PDB file of N, CA and C in Angstrom:
ATOM      1  N   MET A   1      50.129 177.377 134.479  1.00  0.00           N
ATOM      2  CA  MET A   1      49.718 177.583 135.941  1.00  0.00           C
ATOM      3  C   MET A   1      50.955 177.023 136.422  1.00  0.00           C
ATOM      4  N   LEU A   2      51.065 175.441 136.127  1.00  0.00           N
ATOM      5  CA  LEU A   2      52.016 174.938 136.874  1.00  0.00           C
ATOM      6  C   LEU A   2      53.578 175.628 137.053  1.00  0.00           C
ATOM      7  N   ARG A   3      53.855 175.960 135.761  1.00  0.00           N
ATOM      8  CA  ARG A   3      55.072 176.585 135.331  1.00  0.00           C
ATOM      9  C   ARG A   3      55.368 177.882 136.346  1.00  0.00           C
ATOM     10  N   TRP A   4      54.187 178.538 136.534  1.00  0.00           N
ATOM     11  CA  TRP A   4      54.173 179.721 137.498  1.00  0.00           C
ATOM     12  C   TRP A   4      54.491 179.545 138.852  1.00  0.00           C
ATOM     13  N   ALA A   5      53.750 178.187 139.437  1.00  0.00           N
ATOM     14  CA  ALA A   5      53.777 177.542 140.955  1.00  0.00           C
ATOM     15  C   ALA A   5      55.316 177.239 140.861  1.00  0.00           C
ATOM     16  N   LEU A   6      56.203 176.300 140.043  1.00  0.00           N
ATOM     17  CA  LEU A   6      57.386 176.111 140.013  1.00  0.00           C
ATOM     18  C   LEU A   6      58.153 177.305 140.158  1.00  0.00           C
ATOM     19  N   ALA A   7      57.890 178.383 139.436  1.00  0.00           N
ATOM     20  CA  ALA A   7      58.759 179.406 139.336  1.00  0.00           C
ATOM     21  C   ALA A   7      58.594 180.291 140.723  1.00  0.00           C
ATOM     22  N   PHE A   8      57.639 180.064 141.610  1.00  0.00           N
ATOM     23  CA  PHE A   8      57.708 180.590 142.752  1.00  0.00           C
ATOM     24  C   PHE A   8      58.392 179.825 143.796  1.00  0.00           C
ATOM     25  N   PHE A   9      58.051 178.595 143.608  1.00  0.00           N
ATOM     26  CA  PHE A   9      58.804 177.593 144.548  1.00  0.00           C
ATOM     27  C   PHE A   9      60.263 178.019 144.543  1.00  0.00           C
ATOM     28  N   VAL A  10      60.639 177.971 143.119  1.00  0.00           N
ATOM     29  CA  VAL A  10      62.391 178.277 143.023  1.00  0.00           C
ATOM     30  C   VAL A  10      62.726 179.357 143.725  1.00  0.00           C
ATOM     31  N   VAL A  11      61.718 180.334 143.598  1.00  0.00           N
ATOM     32  CA  VAL A  11      62.112 181.938 144.108  1.00  0.00           C
ATOM     33  C   VAL A  11      62.151 181.910 145.576  1.00  0.00           C
ATOM     34  N   ALA A  12      61.101 181.258 146.239  1.00  0.00           N
ATOM     35  CA  ALA A  12      60.951 180.654 147.673  1.00  0.00           C
ATOM     36  C   ALA A  12      62.458 180.056 148.105  1.00  0.00           C
ATOM     37  N   ILE A  13      62.859 178.837 147.488  1.00  0.00           N
ATOM     38  CA  ILE A  13      64.251 178.243 147.906  1.00  0.00           C
ATOM     39  C   ILE A  13      65.317 179.074 147.863  1.00  0.00           C
ATOM     40  N   ILE A  14      65.217 180.094 146.622  1.00  0.00           N
ATOM     41  CA  ILE A  14      66.100 180.723 146.671  1.00  0.00           C
ATOM     42  C   ILE A  14      66.309 182.085 147.908  1.00  0.00           C
ATOM     43  N   ALA A  15      65.245 182.737 147.906  1.00  0.00           N
ATOM     44  CA  ALA A  15      65.289 183.692 148.833  1.00  0.00           C
ATOM     45  C   ALA A  15      65.157 183.021 150.738  1.00  0.00           C
ATOM     46  N   ALA A  16      65.092 181.795 150.723  1.00  0.00           N
ATOM     47  CA  ALA A  16      65.212 180.853 151.915  1.00  0.00           C
ATOM     48  C   ALA A  16      66.876 180.736 151.892  1.00  0.00           C
ATOM     49  N   VAL A  17      67.204 180.610 151.379  1.00  0.00           N
ATOM     50  CA  VAL A  17      68.931 180.086 151.131  1.00  0.00           C
ATOM     51  C   VAL A  17      69.599 181.521 151.607  1.00  0.00           C
ATOM     52  N   PHE A  18      69.209 182.933 151.185  1.00  0.00           N
ATOM     53  CA  PHE A  18      70.044 184.060 151.220  1.00  0.00           C
ATOM     54  C   PHE A  18      68.915 184.456 152.539  1.00  0.00           C
ATOM     55  N   GLY A  19      68.191 184.047 153.232  1.00  0.00           N
ATOM     56  CA  GLY A  19      67.730 184.533 154.396  1.00  0.00           C
ATOM     57  C   GLY A  19      66.942 185.517 154.472  1.00  0.00           C
ATOM     58  N   PHE A  20      65.903 185.736 153.212  1.00  0.00           N
ATOM     59  CA  PHE A  20      65.028 186.681 153.166  1.00  0.00           C
ATOM     60  C   PHE A  20      63.857 185.985 153.719  1.00  0.00           C
ATOM     61  N   GLY A  21      63.456 185.872 154.743  1.00  0.00           N
ATOM     62  CA  GLY A  21      62.260 184.879 155.371  1.00  0.00           C
ATOM     63  C   GLY A  21      61.002 185.423 154.766  1.00  0.00           C
ATOM     64  N   GLY A  22      60.748 186.635 155.009  1.00  0.00           N
ATOM     65  CA  GLY A  22      59.425 187.071 154.434  1.00  0.00           C
ATOM     66  C   GLY A  22      59.169 187.105 152.861  1.00  0.00           C
ATOM     67  N   ILE A  23      60.152 186.818 152.101  1.00  0.00           N
ATOM     68  CA  ILE A  23      60.050 187.152 150.855  1.00  0.00           C
ATOM     69  C   ILE A  23      59.849 185.509 150.325  1.00  0.00           C
ATOM     70  N   ALA A  24      60.479 184.795 150.987  1.00  0.00           N
ATOM     71  CA  ALA A  24      60.332 183.337 151.041  1.00  0.00           C
ATOM     72  C   ALA A  24      58.903 182.956 151.405  1.00  0.00           C
ATOM     73  N   ALA A  25      58.449 183.094 152.349  1.00  0.00           N
ATOM     74  CA  ALA A  25      57.186 182.837 152.935  1.00  0.00           C
ATOM     75  C   ALA A  25      55.965 183.348 151.735  1.00  0.00           C
ATOM     76  N   ALA A  26      56.004 184.479 151.063  1.00  0.00           N
ATOM     77  CA  ALA A  26      55.327 184.937 150.316  1.00  0.00           C
ATOM     78  C   ALA A  26      55.126 184.201 149.124  1.00  0.00           C
ATOM     79  N   ALA A  27      56.566 183.899 148.639  1.00  0.00           N
ATOM     80  CA  ALA A  27      56.685 183.145 147.092  1.00  0.00           C
ATOM     81  C   ALA A  27      56.115 181.725 147.454  1.00  0.00           C
ATOM     82  N   ALA A  28      56.375 181.215 148.615  1.00  0.00           N
ATOM     83  CA  ALA A  28      56.032 179.551 148.859  1.00  0.00           C
ATOM     84  C   ALA A  28      54.236 179.325 149.122  1.00  0.00           C
ATOM     85  N   GLY A  29      54.126 180.639 149.562  1.00  0.00           N
ATOM     86  CA  GLY A  29      52.460 180.969 149.567  1.00  0.00           C
ATOM     87  C   GLY A  29      51.580 181.078 148.341  1.00  0.00           C
ATOM     88  N   MET A  30      52.167 181.800 147.587  1.00  0.00           N
ATOM     89  CA  MET A  30      51.891 182.303 145.974  1.00  0.00           C
ATOM     90  C   MET A  30      51.991 180.652 145.079  1.00  0.00           C
ATOM     91  N   ALA A  31      52.883 179.700 145.248  1.00  0.00           N
ATOM     92  CA  ALA A  31      53.485 178.596 144.899  1.00  0.00           C
ATOM     93  C   ALA A  31      52.204 177.888 145.264  1.00  0.00           C
ATOM     94  N   LYS A  32      51.903 177.713 146.561  1.00  0.00           N
ATOM     95  CA  LYS A  32      50.857 176.597 146.949  1.00  0.00           C
ATOM     96  C   LYS A  32      49.175 177.018 146.423  1.00  0.00           C
ATOM     97  N   ILE A  33      49.177 178.399 146.495  1.00  0.00           N
ATOM     98  CA  ILE A  33      47.712 178.849 145.736  1.00  0.00           C
ATOM     99  C   ILE A  33      47.674 178.362 144.223  1.00  0.00           C
ATOM    100  N   LEU A  34      48.916 178.831 143.658  1.00  0.00           N
ATOM    101  CA  LEU A  34      48.847 178.685 142.312  1.00  0.00           C
ATOM    102  C   LEU A  34      48.846 176.878 142.027  1.00  0.00           C
ATOM    103  N   PHE A  35      49.227 176.176 142.680  1.00  0.00           N
ATOM    104  CA  PHE A  35      49.349 174.630 142.406  1.00  0.00           C
ATOM    105  C   PHE A  35      47.832 174.327 142.600  1.00  0.00           C
ATOM    106  N   VAL A  36      46.966 174.898 143.861  1.00  0.00           N
ATOM    107  CA  VAL A  36      45.697 174.176 143.916  1.00  0.00           C
ATOM    108  C   VAL A  36      45.000 174.736 142.938  1.00  0.00           C
ATOM    109  N   ILE A  37      44.942 176.045 142.404  1.00  0.00           N
ATOM    110  CA  ILE A  37      44.154 176.265 141.636  1.00  0.00           C
ATOM    111  C   ILE A  37      44.405 175.491 140.123  1.00  0.00           C
ATOM    112  N   PHE A  38      45.721 174.930 139.919  1.00  0.00           N
ATOM    113  CA  PHE A  38      46.327 174.246 138.731  1.00  0.00           C
ATOM    114  C   PHE A  38      45.402 172.876 138.998  1.00  0.00           C
ATOM    115  N   LEU A  39      45.398 172.213 140.121  1.00  0.00           N
ATOM    116  CA  LEU A  39      44.660 170.914 140.377  1.00  0.00           C
ATOM    117  C   LEU A  39      43.363 171.046 140.022  1.00  0.00           C
ATOM    118  N   ILE A  40      42.399 172.191 140.537  1.00  0.00           N
ATOM    119  CA  ILE A  40      41.369 172.266 140.355  1.00  0.00           C
ATOM    120  C   ILE A  40      40.895 172.573 139.017  1.00  0.00           C
ATOM    121  N   LEU A  41      41.647 173.028 138.131  1.00  0.00           N
ATOM    122  CA  LEU A  41      41.345 173.158 136.945  1.00  0.00           C
ATOM    123  C   LEU A  41      41.625 171.938 135.910  1.00  0.00           C
ATOM    124  N   PHE A  42      42.612 171.343 136.234  1.00  0.00           N
ATOM    125  CA  PHE A  42      43.260 169.929 135.734  1.00  0.00           C
ATOM    126  C   PHE A  42      42.058 169.209 135.913  1.00  0.00           C
ATOM    127  N   LEU A  43      41.803 168.771 137.217  1.00  0.00           N
ATOM    128  CA  LEU A  43      40.290 167.877 137.457  1.00  0.00           C
ATOM    129  C   LEU A  43      38.987 168.164 137.015  1.00  0.00           C
ATOM    130  N   ALA A  44      39.117 169.416 136.638  1.00  0.00           N
ATOM    131  CA  ALA A  44      37.560 169.925 135.982  1.00  0.00           C
ATOM    132  C   ALA A  44      37.598 169.633 134.462  1.00  0.00           C
ATOM    133  N   THR A  45      39.073 170.079 133.987  1.00  0.00           N
ATOM    134  CA  THR A  45      39.130 169.649 132.431  1.00  0.00           C
ATOM    135  C   THR A  45      39.069 168.110 132.298  1.00  0.00           C
ATOM    136  N   LEU A  46      39.856 167.231 133.090  1.00  0.00           N
ATOM    137  CA  LEU A  46      39.579 165.815 132.984  1.00  0.00           C
ATOM    138  C   LEU A  46      38.176 165.275 132.983  1.00  0.00           C
ATOM    139  N   LEU A  47      37.319 165.645 134.352  1.00  0.00           N
ATOM    140  CA  LEU A  47      35.984 165.531 134.163  1.00  0.00           C
ATOM    141  C   LEU A  47      35.242 165.693 133.136  1.00  0.00           C
ATOM    142  N   GLY A  48      35.504 166.950 132.308  1.00  0.00           N
ATOM    143  CA  GLY A  48      34.843 167.610 131.431  1.00  0.00           C
ATOM    144  C   GLY A  48      34.867 166.580 130.227  1.00  0.00           C
ATOM    145  N   GLY A  49      36.092 166.065 129.906  1.00  0.00           N
ATOM    146  CA  GLY A  49      36.837 165.421 128.688  1.00  0.00           C
ATOM    147  C   GLY A  49      35.967 163.884 129.019  1.00  0.00           C
ATOM    148  N   LEU A  50      35.830 163.380 130.188  1.00  0.00           N
ATOM    149  CA  LEU A  50      35.041 162.270 130.461  1.00  0.00           C
ATOM    150  C   LEU A  50      33.794 162.241 130.070  1.00  0.00           C
ATOM    151  N   MET A  51      33.226 163.246 130.609  1.00  0.00           N
ATOM    152  CA  MET A  51      31.708 163.357 130.145  1.00  0.00           C
ATOM    153  C   MET A  51      31.515 163.841 128.800  1.00  0.00           C
ATOM    154  N   ARG A  52      32.265 164.327 128.350  1.00  0.00           N
ATOM    155  CA  ARG A  52      31.878 164.349 126.450  1.00  0.00           C
ATOM    156  C   ARG A  52      32.047 163.110 126.036  1.00  0.00           C
ATOM    157  N   ARG A  53      33.034 162.029 126.358  1.00  0.00           N
ATOM    158  CA  ARG A  53      32.947 161.052 125.528  1.00  0.00           C
ATOM    159  C   ARG A  53      31.996 160.133 125.858  1.00  0.00           C
ATOM    160  N   ALA A  54      31.251 160.136 126.968  1.00  0.00           N
ATOM    161  CA  ALA A  54      30.078 159.619 127.573  1.00  0.00           C
ATOM    162  C   ALA A  54      28.814 159.587 126.682  1.00  0.00           C
TER     163      ALA A  54
END
């Protein structure tokens, strides 16, 4: 999931450099959403692992 977020971030940067504002904004939005989902899943997995050990 983090790999997809980074890919969308790179697409957003490239689109912004070439002047495609709409595509850049959409790709940046998708990167933000995927990164937040990644963080939530990472924290859930981390807490699940800590609870299992206890």
